[in-house]
Protein backbone atom coordinates (compact mmCIF):
# COMPACT_ATOMS: atom_id res chain seq x y z
CA MET A 1 -91.33 19.85 -84.46
CA SER A 2 -87.90 21.04 -84.28
CA GLN A 3 -89.20 24.68 -83.50
CA MET A 4 -91.12 23.46 -80.66
CA SER A 5 -88.02 21.48 -79.36
CA HIS A 6 -85.88 24.70 -79.56
CA THR A 7 -88.48 26.81 -77.68
CA ILE A 8 -88.86 24.06 -74.79
CA ASP A 9 -84.99 24.02 -74.76
CA MET A 10 -85.03 27.84 -74.31
CA VAL A 11 -87.34 27.68 -71.53
CA HIS A 12 -85.20 25.31 -69.57
CA ALA A 13 -82.09 27.45 -70.37
CA ASN A 14 -83.76 30.67 -69.23
CA SER A 15 -85.40 28.81 -65.97
CA TYR A 16 -81.84 27.40 -65.44
CA ASP A 17 -80.03 31.11 -65.68
CA ASP A 18 -82.59 32.30 -63.32
CA THR A 19 -82.13 29.58 -60.61
CA ALA A 20 -78.43 30.19 -60.95
CA ARG A 21 -78.94 34.01 -60.73
CA VAL A 22 -80.82 33.83 -57.63
CA LEU A 23 -78.59 31.22 -55.93
CA ARG A 24 -75.42 33.29 -56.69
CA ARG A 25 -77.32 36.51 -55.38
CA THR A 26 -78.42 34.39 -52.15
CA ILE A 27 -75.05 33.34 -51.62
CA ILE A 28 -73.35 37.01 -51.86
CA ILE A 29 -76.01 38.66 -50.05
CA GLY A 30 -76.00 36.01 -47.15
CA LEU A 31 -72.14 36.08 -47.22
CA THR A 32 -71.86 40.05 -47.07
CA ALA A 33 -74.28 39.89 -44.22
CA PHE A 34 -72.06 37.63 -42.31
CA LEU A 35 -68.98 39.45 -42.82
CA THR A 36 -70.59 42.55 -41.79
CA VAL A 37 -72.04 41.65 -38.36
CA VAL A 38 -69.91 38.55 -37.49
CA ASP A 39 -68.00 40.57 -34.80
CA LEU A 40 -71.30 41.54 -33.01
CA PHE A 41 -72.20 38.26 -31.18
CA ALA A 42 -68.99 36.24 -31.87
CA THR A 43 -67.51 37.79 -28.74
CA GLN A 44 -70.32 36.54 -26.24
CA ALA A 45 -68.90 32.94 -26.78
CA ILE A 46 -65.80 34.21 -24.68
CA LEU A 47 -67.58 36.03 -22.30
CA PRO A 48 -66.53 34.19 -19.25
CA SER A 49 -62.95 34.38 -20.19
CA LEU A 50 -63.24 38.10 -20.97
CA ALA A 51 -64.72 38.68 -17.56
CA GLN A 52 -61.80 36.74 -15.70
CA ALA A 53 -59.17 38.47 -17.90
CA TYR A 54 -60.68 42.12 -16.97
CA ARG A 55 -61.78 40.82 -13.54
CA VAL A 56 -65.08 42.41 -13.46
CA THR A 57 -68.70 41.14 -12.85
CA PRO A 58 -70.74 39.24 -15.62
CA ALA A 59 -73.17 42.13 -16.09
CA ALA A 60 -70.15 44.73 -16.58
CA MET A 61 -68.44 42.40 -19.04
CA SER A 62 -71.60 41.59 -20.60
CA PHE A 63 -72.70 45.42 -21.01
CA ALA A 64 -68.93 46.29 -22.36
CA VAL A 65 -69.32 43.46 -25.14
CA ASN A 66 -72.91 44.36 -26.12
CA ALA A 67 -72.22 48.09 -25.98
CA SER A 68 -71.71 47.83 -29.99
CA THR A 69 -75.30 47.65 -30.10
CA MET A 70 -75.26 51.34 -28.87
CA GLY A 71 -73.02 52.21 -31.76
CA MET A 72 -75.28 50.52 -34.20
CA ALA A 73 -78.41 52.30 -32.69
CA VAL A 74 -76.46 55.67 -33.12
CA ALA A 75 -75.60 54.40 -36.91
CA GLY A 76 -78.61 53.39 -37.75
CA LEU A 77 -80.30 57.02 -37.22
CA PHE A 78 -77.55 58.48 -38.73
CA VAL A 79 -78.00 56.87 -41.69
CA ALA A 80 -81.76 57.00 -41.45
CA PHE A 81 -81.27 61.01 -41.77
CA PHE A 82 -78.61 61.00 -44.37
CA SER A 83 -79.26 58.04 -46.39
CA ARG A 84 -80.22 59.98 -49.31
CA LYS A 85 -76.74 61.54 -49.78
CA ILE A 86 -74.70 58.03 -49.12
CA ASN A 87 -73.52 56.23 -52.32
CA ARG A 88 -74.52 52.49 -51.09
CA ARG A 89 -71.46 50.85 -52.25
CA PHE A 90 -69.05 53.46 -51.23
CA GLY A 91 -70.50 53.64 -47.89
CA ILE A 92 -70.51 50.10 -47.19
CA LEU A 93 -67.09 49.45 -48.33
CA ILE A 94 -65.72 52.36 -45.84
CA SER A 95 -67.44 51.15 -43.34
CA LEU A 96 -66.21 47.74 -43.36
CA CYS A 97 -62.52 48.76 -44.04
CA VAL A 98 -62.72 51.15 -41.07
CA LEU A 99 -64.42 48.32 -38.78
CA ALA A 100 -61.46 46.37 -38.97
CA ILE A 101 -59.33 49.10 -36.95
CA PRO A 102 -61.35 48.88 -33.77
CA THR A 103 -61.51 45.15 -33.99
CA ALA A 104 -57.82 44.54 -34.07
CA LEU A 105 -57.30 47.30 -31.30
CA LEU A 106 -59.63 45.28 -29.21
CA ALA A 107 -56.65 42.65 -28.97
CA VAL A 108 -54.81 45.13 -26.71
CA ALA A 109 -57.28 47.24 -24.90
CA PRO A 110 -55.85 47.98 -21.32
CA ASP A 111 -59.05 48.24 -19.58
CA LEU A 112 -62.74 47.82 -19.68
CA MET A 113 -63.54 51.39 -20.43
CA THR A 114 -61.24 51.24 -23.58
CA PHE A 115 -62.78 47.86 -24.80
CA THR A 116 -66.29 49.44 -24.33
CA ILE A 117 -65.32 52.50 -26.54
CA LEU A 118 -63.89 50.26 -29.17
CA ARG A 119 -67.20 47.89 -29.15
CA VAL A 120 -68.99 51.09 -29.58
CA THR A 121 -67.06 52.30 -32.56
CA GLN A 122 -67.65 48.53 -34.03
CA GLY A 123 -71.35 49.24 -33.59
CA LEU A 124 -71.05 52.29 -35.82
CA CYS A 125 -69.31 50.66 -38.49
CA MET A 126 -71.44 47.30 -38.64
CA ALA A 127 -74.68 49.06 -38.52
CA SER A 128 -73.72 51.79 -41.24
CA ALA A 129 -72.72 49.04 -43.61
CA PHE A 130 -75.81 46.82 -42.32
CA THR A 131 -78.45 49.59 -43.05
CA LEU A 132 -76.74 50.77 -46.30
CA THR A 133 -77.01 47.11 -47.57
CA LEU A 134 -80.72 46.66 -46.47
CA ALA A 135 -81.53 49.98 -48.16
CA TYR A 136 -79.68 48.85 -51.41
CA LEU A 137 -81.41 45.62 -51.37
CA GLY A 138 -84.86 47.52 -51.06
CA GLU A 139 -84.05 49.79 -54.10
CA GLU A 140 -82.39 47.28 -56.33
CA CYS A 141 -84.62 44.01 -55.86
CA SER A 142 -88.15 43.82 -57.26
CA ALA A 143 -91.30 43.33 -54.96
CA THR A 144 -91.04 39.60 -55.83
CA ASP A 145 -87.33 39.22 -54.91
CA ALA A 146 -87.21 41.37 -51.95
CA GLY A 147 -88.71 39.27 -49.42
CA GLY A 148 -86.15 36.60 -50.54
CA ALA A 149 -83.38 38.97 -50.25
CA PHE A 150 -84.10 40.25 -46.96
CA ALA A 151 -84.32 36.57 -45.86
CA ALA A 152 -80.94 35.74 -47.42
CA TYR A 153 -79.29 38.79 -45.65
CA ILE A 154 -80.90 37.59 -42.23
CA THR A 155 -79.87 34.17 -42.77
CA GLY A 156 -76.27 35.49 -43.38
CA ASN A 157 -76.96 37.10 -39.81
CA VAL A 158 -77.96 33.78 -38.42
CA ALA A 159 -74.78 32.12 -39.68
CA SER A 160 -72.67 34.79 -38.11
CA ASN A 161 -74.12 33.93 -34.76
CA LEU A 162 -73.10 30.16 -35.31
CA ILE A 163 -69.92 30.31 -37.14
CA GLY A 164 -68.48 33.51 -35.32
CA ARG A 165 -69.16 31.91 -31.94
CA LEU A 166 -67.41 28.95 -32.98
CA ILE A 167 -64.51 30.56 -34.40
CA SER A 168 -64.10 32.93 -31.44
CA ALA A 169 -64.11 29.81 -28.84
CA GLY A 170 -61.53 27.86 -31.15
CA VAL A 171 -59.22 30.62 -31.71
CA ALA A 172 -59.33 31.95 -28.13
CA ASP A 173 -58.89 28.42 -26.81
CA HIS A 174 -55.88 27.43 -29.05
CA PHE A 175 -54.20 30.98 -29.53
CA GLY A 176 -55.53 33.29 -26.88
CA LEU A 177 -57.61 36.37 -26.71
CA ALA A 178 -55.65 38.75 -28.41
CA ALA A 179 -55.29 36.37 -31.75
CA ASN A 180 -59.17 36.24 -31.78
CA PHE A 181 -59.58 39.77 -32.13
CA TYR A 182 -56.82 39.86 -34.98
CA PHE A 183 -58.79 37.10 -37.03
CA PHE A 184 -61.80 38.85 -36.80
CA SER A 185 -60.16 42.04 -38.08
CA ALA A 186 -59.11 39.95 -41.23
CA LEU A 187 -62.55 39.10 -41.73
CA ASN A 188 -64.05 42.49 -41.59
CA LEU A 189 -61.64 43.44 -44.58
CA ALA A 190 -62.63 40.02 -46.43
CA GLY A 191 -66.35 41.84 -46.27
CA ALA A 192 -64.83 44.86 -47.83
CA VAL A 193 -63.09 42.74 -50.57
CA LEU A 194 -66.33 40.99 -51.39
CA VAL A 195 -68.30 44.34 -51.42
CA TYR A 196 -65.82 45.62 -53.95
CA PHE A 197 -66.26 43.10 -56.73
CA THR A 198 -70.22 42.31 -56.06
CA ILE A 199 -72.15 45.63 -55.22
CA ARG A 200 -72.20 47.88 -58.15
CA THR A 201 -72.34 51.62 -57.63
CA THR A 202 -75.45 53.20 -56.83
CA MET A 203 -77.28 56.21 -55.16
CA PRO A 204 -80.50 56.20 -53.64
CA ILE A 205 -83.37 56.11 -55.69
CA LEU A 206 -85.79 59.07 -55.11
CA PRO A 207 -89.22 59.28 -56.15
CA ALA A 208 -90.12 61.19 -59.64
CA GLY A 209 -91.98 64.25 -59.52
CA LYS A 210 -91.84 64.76 -55.63
CA ALA A 211 -90.47 67.27 -53.65
CA LEU A 212 -87.40 65.84 -51.65
CA SER A 213 -88.63 66.33 -48.06
CA THR A 214 -86.56 67.02 -45.29
CA PRO A 215 -85.24 64.53 -42.66
CA PHE A 216 -87.09 65.52 -40.10
CA ALA A 217 -90.66 65.66 -42.35
CA THR A 218 -89.57 61.94 -43.34
CA LEU A 219 -89.32 60.95 -39.81
CA SER A 220 -92.50 62.34 -38.52
CA GLN A 221 -94.27 60.59 -41.51
CA HIS A 222 -92.73 57.36 -40.51
CA LEU A 223 -93.93 58.13 -36.54
CA ARG A 224 -97.59 58.33 -38.19
CA ASN A 225 -97.59 55.28 -39.76
CA THR A 226 -98.92 52.89 -36.89
CA PRO A 227 -97.67 49.46 -38.72
CA LEU A 228 -94.40 50.86 -39.40
CA LEU A 229 -94.13 52.33 -35.48
CA ALA A 230 -95.32 48.93 -34.26
CA SER A 231 -92.52 47.35 -36.41
CA PHE A 232 -89.97 49.61 -34.60
CA GLY A 233 -91.47 48.47 -30.83
CA ILE A 234 -91.10 44.82 -32.21
CA GLY A 235 -87.72 45.30 -33.36
CA PHE A 236 -86.69 46.55 -29.75
CA CYS A 237 -88.53 43.78 -28.15
CA ILE A 238 -86.68 41.09 -30.37
CA LEU A 239 -83.16 41.91 -29.75
CA PHE A 240 -84.03 42.64 -25.94
CA ALA A 241 -85.19 38.98 -25.61
CA PHE A 242 -82.25 37.38 -27.92
CA ILE A 243 -79.60 39.46 -26.10
CA GLY A 244 -80.95 38.44 -22.93
CA THR A 245 -81.03 34.71 -23.79
CA PHE A 246 -77.93 34.30 -25.32
CA THR A 247 -75.45 36.68 -23.23
CA TYR A 248 -76.35 35.58 -20.03
CA VAL A 249 -76.79 31.51 -20.71
CA ASN A 250 -73.08 31.77 -21.28
CA PHE A 251 -72.51 31.99 -17.35
CA VAL A 252 -75.15 29.45 -16.70
CA LEU A 253 -73.34 27.07 -18.90
CA VAL A 254 -69.93 27.37 -17.38
CA ARG A 255 -71.33 27.25 -13.96
CA GLU A 256 -72.26 24.02 -12.02
CA PRO A 257 -74.29 21.76 -12.56
CA LEU A 258 -73.47 22.19 -16.36
CA SER A 259 -69.49 23.23 -15.93
CA LEU A 260 -68.66 23.44 -19.94
CA GLY A 261 -65.39 24.49 -20.64
CA ARG A 262 -64.60 27.34 -23.23
CA MET A 263 -64.46 25.03 -26.58
CA ALA A 264 -67.39 23.05 -25.37
CA LEU A 265 -69.48 26.41 -24.76
CA GLY A 266 -68.45 27.22 -28.26
CA PHE A 267 -70.08 23.94 -29.52
CA VAL A 268 -73.39 24.77 -27.81
CA TYR A 269 -74.10 27.32 -30.56
CA PHE A 270 -74.55 24.66 -33.14
CA VAL A 271 -77.93 25.74 -31.92
CA PHE A 272 -78.12 28.14 -34.50
CA LEU A 273 -78.05 25.64 -37.59
CA PRO A 274 -81.57 24.95 -37.76
CA SER A 275 -82.06 28.70 -37.84
CA ILE A 276 -79.69 28.75 -40.95
CA VAL A 277 -82.02 26.21 -42.46
CA THR A 278 -85.31 27.70 -41.61
CA THR A 279 -84.93 31.30 -41.91
CA PRO A 280 -84.62 31.64 -45.69
CA PHE A 281 -88.27 30.27 -45.84
CA ALA A 282 -89.55 33.62 -43.81
CA GLY A 283 -90.45 35.31 -46.99
CA ALA A 284 -92.31 32.44 -48.77
CA ALA A 285 -94.15 32.18 -45.23
CA VAL A 286 -95.22 35.63 -45.10
CA ARG A 287 -96.29 35.43 -48.61
CA ARG A 288 -98.45 32.43 -47.78
CA PHE A 289 -99.84 33.00 -44.39
CA GLY A 290 -99.39 36.62 -44.00
CA THR A 291 -97.08 38.93 -41.71
CA ARG A 292 -99.05 38.51 -38.65
CA PRO A 293 -99.68 34.58 -38.35
CA THR A 294 -95.92 34.06 -39.57
CA PHE A 295 -94.70 36.35 -36.72
CA TRP A 296 -96.86 34.90 -34.02
CA SER A 297 -96.10 31.57 -34.75
CA ALA A 298 -92.49 32.18 -34.62
CA LEU A 299 -92.53 33.98 -31.29
CA ALA A 300 -94.76 30.93 -30.09
CA LEU A 301 -91.96 28.65 -30.86
CA ALA A 302 -89.54 30.95 -29.07
CA GLY A 303 -91.45 30.95 -25.94
CA LEU A 304 -91.70 27.21 -25.81
CA GLY A 305 -88.06 27.04 -25.61
CA LEU A 306 -87.90 29.11 -22.23
CA PRO A 307 -88.75 26.92 -19.69
CA LEU A 308 -86.45 24.54 -21.29
CA LEU A 309 -83.66 27.23 -20.04
CA LEU A 310 -84.23 26.70 -16.59
CA LEU A 311 -83.97 22.61 -16.27
CA PRO A 312 -80.48 21.66 -15.01
CA ASN A 313 -79.82 19.23 -18.09
CA LEU A 314 -77.61 20.36 -21.16
CA SER A 315 -79.66 18.93 -23.70
CA ALA A 316 -82.79 20.51 -22.57
CA VAL A 317 -80.96 23.82 -22.49
CA VAL A 318 -79.82 23.32 -25.95
CA ALA A 319 -83.13 22.58 -27.12
CA GLY A 320 -84.16 25.45 -25.53
CA LEU A 321 -81.65 27.86 -27.18
CA MET A 322 -82.37 26.21 -30.59
CA LEU A 323 -86.33 26.94 -30.20
CA VAL A 324 -85.55 30.66 -29.36
CA GLY A 325 -83.14 30.84 -32.12
CA VAL A 326 -85.31 29.80 -34.80
CA GLY A 327 -88.37 31.56 -33.57
CA THR A 328 -86.51 34.88 -33.10
CA PHE A 329 -84.59 35.00 -36.20
CA PHE A 330 -87.61 33.84 -38.07
CA ALA A 331 -89.52 36.71 -36.57
CA GLN A 332 -87.02 39.08 -37.29
CA ALA A 333 -86.77 38.34 -41.12
CA ALA A 334 -90.77 38.63 -41.21
CA ALA A 335 -90.32 42.19 -39.39
CA THR A 336 -87.38 43.36 -41.33
CA GLY A 337 -89.35 42.51 -44.90
CA PHE A 338 -92.31 44.20 -43.22
CA VAL A 339 -90.55 47.59 -42.72
CA GLY A 340 -89.70 47.72 -46.57
CA ARG A 341 -93.23 47.24 -47.25
CA ALA A 342 -95.01 49.49 -44.67
CA ALA A 343 -92.79 52.33 -45.42
CA THR A 344 -94.58 55.04 -47.41
CA ALA A 345 -91.66 57.36 -48.01
CA ASP A 346 -87.77 56.80 -47.79
CA ARG A 347 -87.36 52.93 -47.08
CA ALA A 348 -83.74 53.57 -46.26
CA SER A 349 -84.56 55.73 -43.24
CA ALA A 350 -87.44 53.36 -42.38
CA SER A 351 -84.70 50.65 -42.06
CA GLY A 352 -82.51 52.94 -40.34
CA ILE A 353 -84.89 53.87 -37.58
CA TYR A 354 -85.83 50.05 -37.11
CA LEU A 355 -82.36 49.00 -36.80
CA ALA A 356 -81.92 51.97 -34.38
CA CYS A 357 -84.83 50.69 -32.43
CA TYR A 358 -83.47 47.05 -32.79
CA PHE A 359 -79.91 47.45 -31.45
CA PHE A 360 -81.25 49.93 -28.75
CA GLY A 361 -83.12 47.04 -27.54
CA GLY A 362 -80.38 44.97 -27.03
CA LEU A 363 -78.61 47.61 -25.45
CA VAL A 364 -81.54 48.25 -23.08
CA GLY A 365 -81.89 44.21 -22.66
CA THR A 366 -78.03 43.75 -21.79
CA ALA A 367 -78.34 46.58 -18.74
CA VAL A 368 -81.66 45.41 -17.52
CA LEU A 369 -81.34 41.78 -17.77
CA GLY A 370 -77.70 41.89 -16.32
CA GLN A 371 -78.98 43.67 -13.07
CA ILE A 372 -81.59 41.04 -12.94
CA PHE A 373 -79.24 38.21 -13.42
CA ASP A 374 -76.63 39.54 -10.78
CA ARG A 375 -79.27 40.15 -8.12
CA PHE A 376 -82.30 37.68 -8.90
CA GLY A 377 -80.62 34.83 -10.91
CA TRP A 378 -81.32 33.08 -14.01
CA PRO A 379 -84.93 32.22 -13.55
CA ALA A 380 -85.97 35.99 -13.26
CA CYS A 381 -83.74 36.85 -16.33
CA VAL A 382 -85.97 34.32 -18.30
CA ALA A 383 -88.91 35.78 -17.24
CA GLY A 384 -87.98 38.98 -18.28
CA ILE A 385 -87.26 37.57 -21.68
CA ALA A 386 -90.76 36.19 -21.74
CA ILE A 387 -92.38 39.46 -20.96
CA PHE A 388 -90.72 41.26 -23.94
CA LEU A 389 -91.73 38.32 -26.49
CA ALA A 390 -95.22 38.77 -25.08
CA THR A 391 -94.91 42.55 -25.74
CA ALA A 392 -93.73 41.83 -29.03
CA ALA A 393 -96.60 39.40 -29.93
CA TYR A 394 -99.13 42.13 -28.80
CA LEU A 395 -97.39 45.02 -30.80
CA ALA A 396 -97.95 42.41 -34.00
CA ILE A 397 -101.46 43.20 -33.82
CA HIS A 398 -101.01 46.25 -35.94
CA LEU A 399 -98.69 44.53 -38.67
CA ARG A 400 -101.40 44.73 -41.18
CA LEU A 401 -101.40 46.82 -44.65
CA LYS A 402 -104.57 47.47 -46.69
CA SER A 403 -102.69 45.64 -49.39
CA ASP A 404 -102.39 42.53 -47.25
CA GLU A 405 -105.48 40.76 -48.68
CA SER A 406 -104.18 37.48 -47.23
CA GLU A 407 -104.58 38.70 -43.61
CA ALA A 408 -107.77 40.17 -43.83
C-alpha cells in the first residue's frame, strides 16, 4: 500500500514538474517574441503625430513607418538561404543588440528619408531574430510540443501589438516622440539579455546520412511543395489585410466624428487583449479540427469585423477591430505551425521564406491601401482588405498534408 502511495506521489510530482516546465517555456517564448517585434507595430499608435511632425500625408508617413516590413522580408530571405551556417543563439543575440541602435536613432531622424532607412534597418534585425527563433523552436521542440511553442511565440507577437502601442502612445504623450524611441531601444536590449540567459547554444540540426543540398536546391524543393507554396501566399495576404486595417484606421479614429486624442487612440488597442487569450489555443484547434477548418473559421471571424469598421460609432469600430485581430492572429498561428509540418527539407529556410512573403505582404499592403485610402477613402480601403482575406481563404484549400487524417 505504501509503495502504491509513493508511486502515485511520484506521478503527481512528475505531472507538476511537466506543467511547470511547459508554463516556464511558454512565458520565455512569449516574452522573447514580445521583445523581438515590439518595435514593429508600436509606432503605428503615434502615426498621426509623426505625420504632423514631418508634415507629410498619411500614406507617406504610413509607408515610412511600415518600411520595417521591407527589411523583414529581405532578412527572412537571407536567413532562409544561410540558416544552416548560423548559430541560433548567437544570431538572435546579435540581432537584438544591433536592433537597439536604429531604434534609438529614430529619435533624432531629421527627415522622412532617414526615418524610412532606419525603419528598414530595424526590420532587418527584427526578422533575423524572429526567423532564427522559429527555426530554433522547430528544431528543439518535439512534434507534440511544436504547436504550443509556435502558438506561444505568436501570442508574444500579439501582446507586442497591444502593449507596444499602449507604451508608445503613453510615452509619446507624456515625454514626447524622441523619448518613445529611446524607451523601445532599451526594450531591445532587454530582449538580448533574456536570450543570453534562456536560449542554449545550438547549431542547425542536419538530416543524418543525407547530402547537404545547396540553398537554391532547397528553395526549388520548397517551391514545388504545393501546400507550402500556398502557405507562403497566405502569409502575404494575412499581413496585407492586418496592416491595412490597423494602419489606416488610426487616421479614421482621430478624424471626425470619432476625434480621439493621442492617449485615447492608444487605449483603443486593448482590442488586442482577446487575441492574447485566444491565440495560444490555435495549436490545440488545429490538432482537433485540422488546419483548414481552423484557418477558415479564423478568417470568417475577421471578415465579420470589416463592416463594423465603416460605422461612425466608436463601439462598433472597436468591436470590428477586435474581431479582425482575433481572426488574423489565430490564422497566422495556424499557418505558421503548418509551415513547419509541410516543409520536407530545411525548416529554417521554409520559415524564412514564409516570413519574407508575410512581411512583403505588409509592405505591399501599406503602399497599395495607402493610395486607395488617400484617393478613395476608408470604405474602399476596407473593400481591398476583404479581397485579400478572401484570397487567403481560397489558398487555404491547399493546406492539407497526406498525414492530416483529421481533414480527410
